[in-house]
Full PDB file with SEQRES, HELIX, SHEET, SSBOND, CRYST1, ORIGX, SCALE, CONECT and MASTER records, all heavy atoms in Angstrom:
SEQRES   1 A   42  THR GLU PRO ARG MET GLU GLN LEU ILE ARG ALA ARG LYS          
SEQRES   2 A   42  ALA ALA ALA LEU GLY LEU THR THR MET LEU ASP PRO ALA          
SEQRES   3 A   42  GLN LEU ALA ASP THR ALA PRO MET VAL ALA ALA LEU GLN          
SEQRES   4 A   42  ARG LEU PRO                                                  
HELIX    1 AA1 GLU A    6  ALA A   16  1                                  11    
HELIX    2 AA2 PRO A   25  GLN A   27  5                                   3    
HELIX    3 AA3 THR A   31  ARG A   40  1                                  10    
CRYST1    1.000    1.000    1.000  90.00  90.00  90.00 P 1           1          
ORIGX1      1.000000  0.000000  0.000000        0.00000                         
ORIGX2      0.000000  1.000000  0.000000        0.00000                         
ORIGX3      0.000000  0.000000  1.000000        0.00000                         
SCALE1      1.000000  0.000000  0.000000        0.00000                         
SCALE2      0.000000  1.000000  0.000000        0.00000                         
SCALE3      0.000000  0.000000  1.000000        0.00000                         
ATOM      1  N   THR A   1     -12.161   6.438 -19.196  1.00  0.00           N  
ATOM      2  CA  THR A   1     -13.382   5.982 -19.879  1.00  0.00           C  
ATOM      3  C   THR A   1     -14.324   7.135 -20.209  1.00  0.00           C  
ATOM      4  O   THR A   1     -15.367   6.918 -20.828  1.00  0.00           O  
ATOM      5  CB  THR A   1     -14.126   4.957 -19.011  1.00  0.00           C  
ATOM      6  OG1 THR A   1     -14.421   5.538 -17.729  1.00  0.00           O  
ATOM      7  CG2 THR A   1     -13.288   3.707 -18.811  1.00  0.00           C  
ATOM      8  N   GLU A   2     -13.979   8.341 -19.823  1.00  0.00           N  
ATOM      9  CA  GLU A   2     -14.779   9.524 -20.122  1.00  0.00           C  
ATOM     10  C   GLU A   2     -13.847  10.643 -20.594  1.00  0.00           C  
ATOM     11  O   GLU A   2     -12.715  10.731 -20.124  1.00  0.00           O  
ATOM     12  CB  GLU A   2     -15.559  10.002 -18.874  1.00  0.00           C  
ATOM     13  CG  GLU A   2     -16.640   9.041 -18.410  1.00  0.00           C  
ATOM     14  CD  GLU A   2     -17.796   8.924 -19.375  1.00  0.00           C  
ATOM     15  OE1 GLU A   2     -17.953   9.817 -20.239  1.00  0.00           O  
ATOM     16  OE2 GLU A   2     -18.534   7.936 -19.284  1.00  0.00           O  
ATOM     17  N   PRO A   3     -14.284  11.509 -21.496  1.00  0.00           N  
ATOM     18  CA  PRO A   3     -15.601  11.521 -22.149  1.00  0.00           C  
ATOM     19  C   PRO A   3     -15.721  10.525 -23.298  1.00  0.00           C  
ATOM     20  O   PRO A   3     -16.777  10.393 -23.901  1.00  0.00           O  
ATOM     21  CB  PRO A   3     -15.696  12.956 -22.660  1.00  0.00           C  
ATOM     22  CG  PRO A   3     -14.272  13.317 -22.966  1.00  0.00           C  
ATOM     23  CD  PRO A   3     -13.445  12.628 -21.922  1.00  0.00           C  
ATOM     24  N   ARG A   4     -14.609   9.827 -23.614  1.00  0.00           N  
ATOM     25  CA  ARG A   4     -14.627   8.843 -24.687  1.00  0.00           C  
ATOM     26  C   ARG A   4     -14.130   7.501 -24.174  1.00  0.00           C  
ATOM     27  O   ARG A   4     -13.378   7.435 -23.213  1.00  0.00           O  
ATOM     28  CB  ARG A   4     -13.739   9.289 -25.868  1.00  0.00           C  
ATOM     29  CG  ARG A   4     -14.159  10.594 -26.501  1.00  0.00           C  
ATOM     30  CD  ARG A   4     -13.324  10.916 -27.733  1.00  0.00           C  
ATOM     31  NE  ARG A   4     -13.719  12.191 -28.304  1.00  0.00           N  
ATOM     32  CZ  ARG A   4     -14.763  12.362 -29.097  1.00  0.00           C  
ATOM     33  NH1 ARG A   4     -15.508  11.315 -29.420  1.00  0.00           N  
ATOM     34  NH2 ARG A   4     -15.082  13.550 -29.570  1.00  0.00           N  
ATOM     35  N   MET A   5     -14.495   6.440 -24.899  1.00  0.00           N  
ATOM     36  CA  MET A   5     -14.012   5.096 -24.595  1.00  0.00           C  
ATOM     37  C   MET A   5     -12.744   4.759 -25.370  1.00  0.00           C  
ATOM     38  O   MET A   5     -12.227   3.654 -25.283  1.00  0.00           O  
ATOM     39  CB  MET A   5     -15.098   4.066 -24.931  1.00  0.00           C  
ATOM     40  CG  MET A   5     -16.383   4.234 -24.146  1.00  0.00           C  
ATOM     41  SD  MET A   5     -16.178   3.768 -22.418  1.00  0.00           S  
ATOM     42  CE  MET A   5     -16.178   1.976 -22.575  1.00  0.00           C  
ATOM     43  N   GLU A   6     -12.253   5.714 -26.138  1.00  0.00           N  
ATOM     44  CA  GLU A   6     -11.103   5.500 -27.019  1.00  0.00           C  
ATOM     45  C   GLU A   6      -9.931   4.808 -26.324  1.00  0.00           C  
ATOM     46  O   GLU A   6      -9.399   3.805 -26.806  1.00  0.00           O  
ATOM     47  CB  GLU A   6     -10.638   6.854 -27.579  1.00  0.00           C  
ATOM     48  CG  GLU A   6      -9.282   6.823 -28.262  1.00  0.00           C  
ATOM     49  CD  GLU A   6      -8.488   8.097 -28.028  1.00  0.00           C  
ATOM     50  OE1 GLU A   6      -9.067   9.104 -27.590  1.00  0.00           O  
ATOM     51  OE2 GLU A   6      -7.272   8.063 -28.299  1.00  0.00           O  
ATOM     52  N   GLN A   7      -9.501   5.352 -25.165  1.00  0.00           N  
ATOM     53  CA  GLN A   7      -8.309   4.813 -24.505  1.00  0.00           C  
ATOM     54  C   GLN A   7      -8.543   3.396 -23.995  1.00  0.00           C  
ATOM     55  O   GLN A   7      -7.652   2.548 -24.081  1.00  0.00           O  
ATOM     56  CB  GLN A   7      -7.882   5.733 -23.365  1.00  0.00           C  
ATOM     57  CG  GLN A   7      -7.348   7.066 -23.842  1.00  0.00           C  
ATOM     58  CD  GLN A   7      -6.781   7.890 -22.695  1.00  0.00           C  
ATOM     59  OE1 GLN A   7      -6.740   7.449 -21.547  1.00  0.00           O  
ATOM     60  NE2 GLN A   7      -6.333   9.093 -22.998  1.00  0.00           N  
ATOM     61  N   LEU A   8      -9.721   3.129 -23.477  1.00  0.00           N  
ATOM     62  CA  LEU A   8     -10.032   1.790 -22.978  1.00  0.00           C  
ATOM     63  C   LEU A   8     -10.032   0.779 -24.127  1.00  0.00           C  
ATOM     64  O   LEU A   8      -9.490  -0.328 -23.993  1.00  0.00           O  
ATOM     65  CB  LEU A   8     -11.388   1.792 -22.274  1.00  0.00           C  
ATOM     66  CG  LEU A   8     -11.835   0.450 -21.687  1.00  0.00           C  
ATOM     67  CD1 LEU A   8     -10.869  -0.018 -20.600  1.00  0.00           C  
ATOM     68  CD2 LEU A   8     -13.257   0.553 -21.114  1.00  0.00           C  
ATOM     69  N   ILE A   9     -10.609   1.152 -25.255  1.00  0.00           N  
ATOM     70  CA  ILE A   9     -10.643   0.251 -26.419  1.00  0.00           C  
ATOM     71  C   ILE A   9      -9.219  -0.015 -26.904  1.00  0.00           C  
ATOM     72  O   ILE A   9      -8.843  -1.162 -27.179  1.00  0.00           O  
ATOM     73  CB  ILE A   9     -11.508   0.860 -27.541  1.00  0.00           C  
ATOM     74  CG1 ILE A   9     -12.968   0.968 -27.095  1.00  0.00           C  
ATOM     75  CG2 ILE A   9     -11.401   0.022 -28.814  1.00  0.00           C  
ATOM     76  CD1 ILE A   9     -13.836   1.798 -28.025  1.00  0.00           C  
ATOM     77  N   ARG A  10      -8.411   1.051 -27.018  1.00  0.00           N  
ATOM     78  CA  ARG A  10      -7.029   0.882 -27.480  1.00  0.00           C  
ATOM     79  C   ARG A  10      -6.245   0.009 -26.511  1.00  0.00           C  
ATOM     80  O   ARG A  10      -5.481  -0.878 -26.930  1.00  0.00           O  
ATOM     81  CB  ARG A  10      -6.355   2.240 -27.640  1.00  0.00           C  
ATOM     82  CG  ARG A  10      -4.892   2.137 -28.127  1.00  0.00           C  
ATOM     83  CD  ARG A  10      -4.238   3.495 -28.298  1.00  0.00           C  
ATOM     84  NE  ARG A  10      -4.908   4.264 -29.329  1.00  0.00           N  
ATOM     85  CZ  ARG A  10      -5.607   5.370 -29.104  1.00  0.00           C  
ATOM     86  NH1 ARG A  10      -5.734   5.831 -27.855  1.00  0.00           N  
ATOM     87  NH2 ARG A  10      -6.192   6.017 -30.090  1.00  0.00           N  
ATOM     88  N   ALA A  11      -6.407   0.248 -25.206  1.00  0.00           N  
ATOM     89  CA  ALA A  11      -5.657  -0.518 -24.205  1.00  0.00           C  
ATOM     90  C   ALA A  11      -6.033  -1.997 -24.248  1.00  0.00           C  
ATOM     91  O   ALA A  11      -5.167  -2.871 -24.141  1.00  0.00           O  
ATOM     92  CB  ALA A  11      -5.914   0.061 -22.813  1.00  0.00           C  
ATOM     93  N   ARG A  12      -7.321  -2.291 -24.397  1.00  0.00           N  
ATOM     94  CA  ARG A  12      -7.762  -3.682 -24.460  1.00  0.00           C  
ATOM     95  C   ARG A  12      -7.214  -4.383 -25.708  1.00  0.00           C  
ATOM     96  O   ARG A  12      -6.754  -5.532 -25.643  1.00  0.00           O  
ATOM     97  CB  ARG A  12      -9.293  -3.749 -24.452  1.00  0.00           C  
ATOM     98  CG  ARG A  12      -9.904  -3.505 -23.077  1.00  0.00           C  
ATOM     99  CD  ARG A  12     -11.416  -3.458 -23.150  1.00  0.00           C  
ATOM    100  NE  ARG A  12     -12.013  -3.403 -21.818  1.00  0.00           N  
ATOM    101  CZ  ARG A  12     -13.284  -3.102 -21.586  1.00  0.00           C  
ATOM    102  NH1 ARG A  12     -14.096  -2.834 -22.607  1.00  0.00           N  
ATOM    103  NH2 ARG A  12     -13.750  -3.078 -20.348  1.00  0.00           N  
ATOM    104  N   LYS A  13      -7.238  -3.693 -26.843  1.00  0.00           N  
ATOM    105  CA  LYS A  13      -6.728  -4.286 -28.068  1.00  0.00           C  
ATOM    106  C   LYS A  13      -5.225  -4.499 -27.986  1.00  0.00           C  
ATOM    107  O   LYS A  13      -4.699  -5.544 -28.408  1.00  0.00           O  
ATOM    108  CB  LYS A  13      -7.083  -3.402 -29.264  1.00  0.00           C  
ATOM    109  CG  LYS A  13      -8.571  -3.405 -29.613  1.00  0.00           C  
ATOM    110  CD  LYS A  13      -8.850  -2.556 -30.839  1.00  0.00           C  
ATOM    111  CE  LYS A  13     -10.320  -2.665 -31.241  1.00  0.00           C  
ATOM    112  NZ  LYS A  13     -10.624  -1.871 -32.459  1.00  0.00           N  
ATOM    113  N   ALA A  14      -4.502  -3.512 -27.436  1.00  0.00           N  
ATOM    114  CA  ALA A  14      -3.051  -3.631 -27.308  1.00  0.00           C  
ATOM    115  C   ALA A  14      -2.676  -4.769 -26.366  1.00  0.00           C  
ATOM    116  O   ALA A  14      -1.724  -5.521 -26.627  1.00  0.00           O  
ATOM    117  CB  ALA A  14      -2.462  -2.313 -26.807  1.00  0.00           C  
ATOM    118  N   ALA A  15      -3.421  -4.912 -25.285  1.00  0.00           N  
ATOM    119  CA  ALA A  15      -3.153  -6.005 -24.337  1.00  0.00           C  
ATOM    120  C   ALA A  15      -3.449  -7.354 -24.982  1.00  0.00           C  
ATOM    121  O   ALA A  15      -2.702  -8.325 -24.785  1.00  0.00           O  
ATOM    122  CB  ALA A  15      -3.985  -5.815 -23.073  1.00  0.00           C  
ATOM    123  N   ALA A  16      -4.525  -7.426 -25.767  1.00  0.00           N  
ATOM    124  CA  ALA A  16      -4.874  -8.686 -26.425  1.00  0.00           C  
ATOM    125  C   ALA A  16      -3.806  -9.107 -27.428  1.00  0.00           C  
ATOM    126  O   ALA A  16      -3.570 -10.304 -27.637  1.00  0.00           O  
ATOM    127  CB  ALA A  16      -6.220  -8.546 -27.126  1.00  0.00           C  
ATOM    128  N   LEU A  17      -3.131  -8.117 -28.040  1.00  0.00           N  
ATOM    129  CA  LEU A  17      -2.056  -8.405 -28.998  1.00  0.00           C  
ATOM    130  C   LEU A  17      -0.713  -8.631 -28.311  1.00  0.00           C  
ATOM    131  O   LEU A  17       0.274  -8.954 -28.975  1.00  0.00           O  
ATOM    132  CB  LEU A  17      -1.926  -7.255 -30.006  1.00  0.00           C  
ATOM    133  CG  LEU A  17      -3.072  -7.081 -31.002  1.00  0.00           C  
ATOM    134  CD1 LEU A  17      -2.890  -5.816 -31.817  1.00  0.00           C  
ATOM    135  CD2 LEU A  17      -3.172  -8.293 -31.923  1.00  0.00           C  
ATOM    136  N   GLY A  18      -0.655  -8.430 -26.979  1.00  0.00           N  
ATOM    137  CA  GLY A  18       0.587  -8.608 -26.247  1.00  0.00           C  
ATOM    138  C   GLY A  18       1.544  -7.442 -26.340  1.00  0.00           C  
ATOM    139  O   GLY A  18       2.725  -7.562 -25.991  1.00  0.00           O  
ATOM    140  N   LEU A  19       1.049  -6.280 -26.784  1.00  0.00           N  
ATOM    141  CA  LEU A  19       1.908  -5.106 -26.935  1.00  0.00           C  
ATOM    142  C   LEU A  19       2.139  -4.392 -25.614  1.00  0.00           C  
ATOM    143  O   LEU A  19       3.220  -3.834 -25.378  1.00  0.00           O  
ATOM    144  CB  LEU A  19       1.285  -4.132 -27.945  1.00  0.00           C  
ATOM    145  CG  LEU A  19       1.092  -4.667 -29.353  1.00  0.00           C  
ATOM    146  CD1 LEU A  19       0.235  -3.718 -30.182  1.00  0.00           C  
ATOM    147  CD2 LEU A  19       2.442  -4.884 -30.030  1.00  0.00           C  
ATOM    148  N   THR A  20       1.124  -4.380 -24.755  1.00  0.00           N  
ATOM    149  CA  THR A  20       1.198  -3.727 -23.447  1.00  0.00           C  
ATOM    150  C   THR A  20       0.370  -4.555 -22.470  1.00  0.00           C  
ATOM    151  O   THR A  20      -0.285  -5.525 -22.852  1.00  0.00           O  
ATOM    152  CB  THR A  20       0.617  -2.296 -23.497  1.00  0.00           C  
ATOM    153  OG1 THR A  20      -0.782  -2.373 -23.824  1.00  0.00           O  
ATOM    154  CG2 THR A  20       1.325  -1.412 -24.510  1.00  0.00           C  
ATOM    155  N   THR A  21       0.378  -4.142 -21.199  1.00  0.00           N  
ATOM    156  CA  THR A  21      -0.595  -4.641 -20.242  1.00  0.00           C  
ATOM    157  C   THR A  21      -1.491  -3.481 -19.837  1.00  0.00           C  
ATOM    158  O   THR A  21      -1.225  -2.318 -20.176  1.00  0.00           O  
ATOM    159  CB  THR A  21       0.100  -5.233 -18.997  1.00  0.00           C  
ATOM    160  OG1 THR A  21       0.990  -4.247 -18.445  1.00  0.00           O  
ATOM    161  CG2 THR A  21       0.888  -6.481 -19.350  1.00  0.00           C  
ATOM    162  N   MET A  22      -2.569  -3.774 -19.121  1.00  0.00           N  
ATOM    163  CA  MET A  22      -3.468  -2.701 -18.701  1.00  0.00           C  
ATOM    164  C   MET A  22      -4.064  -3.019 -17.347  1.00  0.00           C  
ATOM    165  O   MET A  22      -4.121  -4.181 -16.925  1.00  0.00           O  
ATOM    166  CB  MET A  22      -4.583  -2.478 -19.716  1.00  0.00           C  
ATOM    167  CG  MET A  22      -5.598  -3.592 -19.822  1.00  0.00           C  
ATOM    168  SD  MET A  22      -7.127  -3.076 -20.677  1.00  0.00           S  
ATOM    169  CE  MET A  22      -7.965  -2.172 -19.362  1.00  0.00           C  
ATOM    170  N   LEU A  23      -4.486  -1.963 -16.671  1.00  0.00           N  
ATOM    171  CA  LEU A  23      -5.252  -2.082 -15.438  1.00  0.00           C  
ATOM    172  C   LEU A  23      -6.644  -1.539 -15.688  1.00  0.00           C  
ATOM    173  O   LEU A  23      -6.799  -0.470 -16.283  1.00  0.00           O  
ATOM    174  CB  LEU A  23      -4.601  -1.298 -14.298  1.00  0.00           C  
ATOM    175  CG  LEU A  23      -3.499  -1.992 -13.491  1.00  0.00           C  
ATOM    176  CD1 LEU A  23      -3.012  -1.061 -12.382  1.00  0.00           C  
ATOM    177  CD2 LEU A  23      -3.990  -3.300 -12.890  1.00  0.00           C  
ATOM    178  N   ASP A  24      -7.643  -2.267 -15.232  1.00  0.00           N  
ATOM    179  CA  ASP A  24      -9.026  -1.827 -15.377  1.00  0.00           C  
ATOM    180  C   ASP A  24      -9.257  -0.626 -14.462  1.00  0.00           C  
ATOM    181  O   ASP A  24      -9.046  -0.712 -13.252  1.00  0.00           O  
ATOM    182  CB  ASP A  24      -9.961  -2.966 -14.992  1.00  0.00           C  
ATOM    183  CG  ASP A  24     -11.414  -2.664 -15.330  1.00  0.00           C  
ATOM    184  OD1 ASP A  24     -11.781  -1.471 -15.391  1.00  0.00           O  
ATOM    185  OD2 ASP A  24     -12.176  -3.620 -15.520  1.00  0.00           O  
ATOM    186  N   PRO A  25      -9.673   0.524 -15.014  1.00  0.00           N  
ATOM    187  CA  PRO A  25      -9.919   1.695 -14.175  1.00  0.00           C  
ATOM    188  C   PRO A  25     -10.995   1.473 -13.124  1.00  0.00           C  
ATOM    189  O   PRO A  25     -11.098   2.240 -12.169  1.00  0.00           O  
ATOM    190  CB  PRO A  25     -10.322   2.781 -15.181  1.00  0.00           C  
ATOM    191  CG  PRO A  25     -10.705   2.055 -16.421  1.00  0.00           C  
ATOM    192  CD  PRO A  25      -9.910   0.792 -16.438  1.00  0.00           C  
ATOM    193  N   ALA A  26     -11.792   0.410 -13.263  1.00  0.00           N  
ATOM    194  CA  ALA A  26     -12.797   0.097 -12.249  1.00  0.00           C  
ATOM    195  C   ALA A  26     -12.157  -0.305 -10.928  1.00  0.00           C  
ATOM    196  O   ALA A  26     -12.804  -0.287  -9.884  1.00  0.00           O  
ATOM    197  CB  ALA A  26     -13.717  -1.014 -12.744  1.00  0.00           C  
ATOM    198  N   GLN A  27     -10.867  -0.679 -10.941  1.00  0.00           N  
ATOM    199  CA  GLN A  27     -10.138  -1.070  -9.730  1.00  0.00           C  
ATOM    200  C   GLN A  27      -9.461   0.103  -9.039  1.00  0.00           C  
ATOM    201  O   GLN A  27      -8.713  -0.080  -8.077  1.00  0.00           O  
ATOM    202  CB  GLN A  27      -9.072  -2.112 -10.084  1.00  0.00           C  
ATOM    203  CG  GLN A  27      -9.612  -3.409 -10.656  1.00  0.00           C  
ATOM    204  CD  GLN A  27      -8.483  -4.346 -11.037  1.00  0.00           C  
ATOM    205  OE1 GLN A  27      -7.777  -4.145 -12.007  1.00  0.00           O  
ATOM    206  NE2 GLN A  27      -8.296  -5.391 -10.243  1.00  0.00           N  
ATOM    207  N   LEU A  28      -9.728   1.295  -9.501  1.00  0.00           N  
ATOM    208  CA  LEU A  28      -8.999   2.485  -9.085  1.00  0.00           C  
ATOM    209  C   LEU A  28      -8.928   2.681  -7.579  1.00  0.00           C  
ATOM    210  O   LEU A  28      -7.916   3.156  -7.036  1.00  0.00           O  
ATOM    211  CB  LEU A  28      -9.635   3.719  -9.740  1.00  0.00           C  
ATOM    212  CG  LEU A  28      -8.917   5.049  -9.616  1.00  0.00           C  
ATOM    213  CD1 LEU A  28      -7.624   5.036 -10.405  1.00  0.00           C  
ATOM    214  CD2 LEU A  28      -9.818   6.183 -10.111  1.00  0.00           C  
ATOM    215  N   ALA A  29      -9.968   2.331  -6.855  1.00  0.00           N  
ATOM    216  CA  ALA A  29     -10.005   2.595  -5.413  1.00  0.00           C  
ATOM    217  C   ALA A  29      -9.031   1.717  -4.626  1.00  0.00           C  
ATOM    218  O   ALA A  29      -8.701   2.033  -3.479  1.00  0.00           O  
ATOM    219  CB  ALA A  29     -11.428   2.396  -4.889  1.00  0.00           C  
ATOM    220  N   ASP A  30      -8.556   0.631  -5.219  1.00  0.00           N  
ATOM    221  CA  ASP A  30      -7.700  -0.328  -4.525  1.00  0.00           C  
ATOM    222  C   ASP A  30      -6.248  -0.137  -4.962  1.00  0.00           C  
ATOM    223  O   ASP A  30      -5.932  -0.244  -6.150  1.00  0.00           O  
ATOM    224  CB  ASP A  30      -8.177  -1.748  -4.851  1.00  0.00           C  
ATOM    225  CG  ASP A  30      -7.467  -2.820  -4.026  1.00  0.00           C  
ATOM    226  OD1 ASP A  30      -6.577  -2.460  -3.221  1.00  0.00           O  
ATOM    227  OD2 ASP A  30      -7.803  -4.002  -4.199  1.00  0.00           O  
ATOM    228  N   THR A  31      -5.369   0.138  -4.011  1.00  0.00           N  
ATOM    229  CA  THR A  31      -3.964   0.370  -4.330  1.00  0.00           C  
ATOM    230  C   THR A  31      -3.240  -0.909  -4.739  1.00  0.00           C  
ATOM    231  O   THR A  31      -2.310  -0.887  -5.559  1.00  0.00           O  
ATOM    232  CB  THR A  31      -3.237   0.987  -3.120  1.00  0.00           C  
ATOM    233  OG1 THR A  31      -3.913   2.189  -2.736  1.00  0.00           O  
ATOM    234  CG2 THR A  31      -1.787   1.315  -3.434  1.00  0.00           C  
ATOM    235  N   ALA A  32      -3.654  -2.052  -4.211  1.00  0.00           N  
ATOM    236  CA  ALA A  32      -2.934  -3.312  -4.411  1.00  0.00           C  
ATOM    237  C   ALA A  32      -2.753  -3.692  -5.880  1.00  0.00           C  
ATOM    238  O   ALA A  32      -1.666  -4.139  -6.266  1.00  0.00           O  
ATOM    239  CB  ALA A  32      -3.636  -4.436  -3.644  1.00  0.00           C  
ATOM    240  N   PRO A  33      -3.781  -3.562  -6.747  1.00  0.00           N  
ATOM    241  CA  PRO A  33      -3.556  -3.927  -8.152  1.00  0.00           C  
ATOM    242  C   PRO A  33      -2.456  -3.106  -8.818  1.00  0.00           C  
ATOM    243  O   PRO A  33      -1.707  -3.637  -9.642  1.00  0.00           O  
ATOM    244  CB  PRO A  33      -4.922  -3.658  -8.804  1.00  0.00           C  
ATOM    245  CG  PRO A  33      -5.913  -3.786  -7.689  1.00  0.00           C  
ATOM    246  CD  PRO A  33      -5.201  -3.233  -6.490  1.00  0.00           C  
ATOM    247  N   MET A  34      -2.342  -1.830  -8.465  1.00  0.00           N  
ATOM    248  CA  MET A  34      -1.288  -1.006  -9.035  1.00  0.00           C  
ATOM    249  C   MET A  34       0.078  -1.467  -8.541  1.00  0.00           C  
ATOM    250  O   MET A  34       1.033  -1.578  -9.332  1.00  0.00           O  
ATOM    251  CB  MET A  34      -1.507   0.474  -8.693  1.00  0.00           C  
ATOM    252  CG  MET A  34      -0.389   1.408  -9.173  1.00  0.00           C  
ATOM    253  SD  MET A  34      -0.138   1.405 -10.980  1.00  0.00           S  
ATOM    254  CE  MET A  34      -1.564   2.368 -11.521  1.00  0.00           C  
ATOM    255  N   VAL A  35       0.197  -1.756  -7.256  1.00  0.00           N  
ATOM    256  CA  VAL A  35       1.469  -2.250  -6.712  1.00  0.00           C  
ATOM    257  C   VAL A  35       1.883  -3.527  -7.433  1.00  0.00           C  
ATOM    258  O   VAL A  35       3.033  -3.673  -7.882  1.00  0.00           O  
ATOM    259  CB  VAL A  35       1.356  -2.501  -5.192  1.00  0.00           C  
ATOM    260  CG1 VAL A  35       2.602  -3.242  -4.673  1.00  0.00           C  
ATOM    261  CG2 VAL A  35       1.184  -1.180  -4.448  1.00  0.00           C  
ATOM    262  N   ALA A  36       0.958  -4.450  -7.569  1.00  0.00           N  
ATOM    263  CA  ALA A  36       1.265  -5.726  -8.229  1.00  0.00           C  
ATOM    264  C   ALA A  36       1.649  -5.527  -9.689  1.00  0.00           C  
ATOM    265  O   ALA A  36       2.580  -6.175 -10.197  1.00  0.00           O  
ATOM    266  CB  ALA A  36       0.072  -6.666  -8.116  1.00  0.00           C  
ATOM    267  N   ALA A  37       0.955  -4.633 -10.379  1.00  0.00           N  
ATOM    268  CA  ALA A  37       1.245  -4.385 -11.798  1.00  0.00           C  
ATOM    269  C   ALA A  37       2.628  -3.770 -11.975  1.00  0.00           C  
ATOM    270  O   ALA A  37       3.368  -4.125 -12.898  1.00  0.00           O  
ATOM    271  CB  ALA A  37       0.179  -3.476 -12.392  1.00  0.00           C  
ATOM    272  N   LEU A  38       2.988  -2.845 -11.097  1.00  0.00           N  
ATOM    273  CA  LEU A  38       4.321  -2.235 -11.163  1.00  0.00           C  
ATOM    274  C   LEU A  38       5.413  -3.263 -10.871  1.00  0.00           C  
ATOM    275  O   LEU A  38       6.489  -3.243 -11.491  1.00  0.00           O  
ATOM    276  CB  LEU A  38       4.419  -1.061 -10.189  1.00  0.00           C  
ATOM    277  CG  LEU A  38       3.519   0.145 -10.475  1.00  0.00           C  
ATOM    278  CD1 LEU A  38       3.715   1.221  -9.408  1.00  0.00           C  
ATOM    279  CD2 LEU A  38       3.786   0.729 -11.856  1.00  0.00           C  
ATOM    280  N   GLN A  39       5.155  -4.149  -9.959  1.00  0.00           N  
ATOM    281  CA  GLN A  39       6.141  -5.174  -9.621  1.00  0.00           C  
ATOM    282  C   GLN A  39       6.343  -6.177 -10.751  1.00  0.00           C  
ATOM    283  O   GLN A  39       7.411  -6.788 -10.863  1.00  0.00           O  
ATOM    284  CB  GLN A  39       5.720  -5.890  -8.328  1.00  0.00           C  
ATOM    285  CG  GLN A  39       5.841  -5.013  -7.084  1.00  0.00           C  
ATOM    286  CD  GLN A  39       5.261  -5.654  -5.842  1.00  0.00           C  
ATOM    287  OE1 GLN A  39       4.385  -6.526  -5.928  1.00  0.00           O  
ATOM    288  NE2 GLN A  39       5.709  -5.224  -4.664  1.00  0.00           N  
ATOM    289  N   ARG A  40       5.330  -6.348 -11.600  1.00  0.00           N  
ATOM    290  CA  ARG A  40       5.450  -7.275 -12.732  1.00  0.00           C  
ATOM    291  C   ARG A  40       6.148  -6.655 -13.940  1.00  0.00           C  
ATOM    292  O   ARG A  40       6.606  -7.368 -14.842  1.00  0.00           O  
ATOM    293  CB  ARG A  40       4.059  -7.768 -13.164  1.00  0.00           C  
ATOM    294  CG  ARG A  40       3.400  -8.740 -12.199  1.00  0.00           C  
ATOM    295  CD  ARG A  40       2.174  -9.393 -12.848  1.00  0.00           C  
ATOM    296  NE  ARG A  40       1.141  -8.425 -13.186  1.00  0.00           N  
ATOM    297  CZ  ARG A  40       0.124  -8.098 -12.391  1.00  0.00           C  
ATOM    298  NH1 ARG A  40       0.007  -8.664 -11.189  1.00  0.00           N  
ATOM    299  NH2 ARG A  40      -0.785  -7.219 -12.778  1.00  0.00           N  
ATOM    300  N   LEU A  41       6.235  -5.349 -13.980  1.00  0.00           N  
ATOM    301  CA  LEU A  41       6.749  -4.673 -15.169  1.00  0.00           C  
ATOM    302  C   LEU A  41       8.161  -5.115 -15.579  1.00  0.00           C  
ATOM    303  O   LEU A  41       8.440  -5.228 -16.782  1.00  0.00           O  
ATOM    304  CB  LEU A  41       6.708  -3.152 -14.979  1.00  0.00           C  
ATOM    305  CG  LEU A  41       5.475  -2.421 -15.541  1.00  0.00           C  
ATOM    306  CD1 LEU A  41       5.549  -0.935 -15.235  1.00  0.00           C  
ATOM    307  CD2 LEU A  41       5.359  -2.636 -17.046  1.00  0.00           C  
ATOM    308  N   PRO A  42       9.100  -5.349 -14.660  1.00  0.00           N  
ATOM    309  CA  PRO A  42      10.450  -5.751 -15.107  1.00  0.00           C  
ATOM    310  C   PRO A  42      10.461  -7.060 -15.899  1.00  0.00           C  
ATOM    311  O   PRO A  42      11.382  -7.296 -16.689  1.00  0.00           O  
ATOM    312  CB  PRO A  42      11.224  -5.896 -13.791  1.00  0.00           C  
ATOM    313  CG  PRO A  42      10.521  -4.999 -12.833  1.00  0.00           C  
ATOM    314  CD  PRO A  42       9.066  -5.107 -13.200  1.00  0.00           C  
TER     315      PRO A  42                                                      
MASTER        0    0    0    3    0    0    0    6  314    1    0    4          
END                                                                             
């Protein structure tokens, strides 16, 4: 999200279109969301 919002905007738009998924960087301190997201990838 720094120094630009470019990546966050692109990730949100891509997720809304169903092209990718995303994790909110605000959750960074918690390992569990990353584990769950990786487990869903297959």
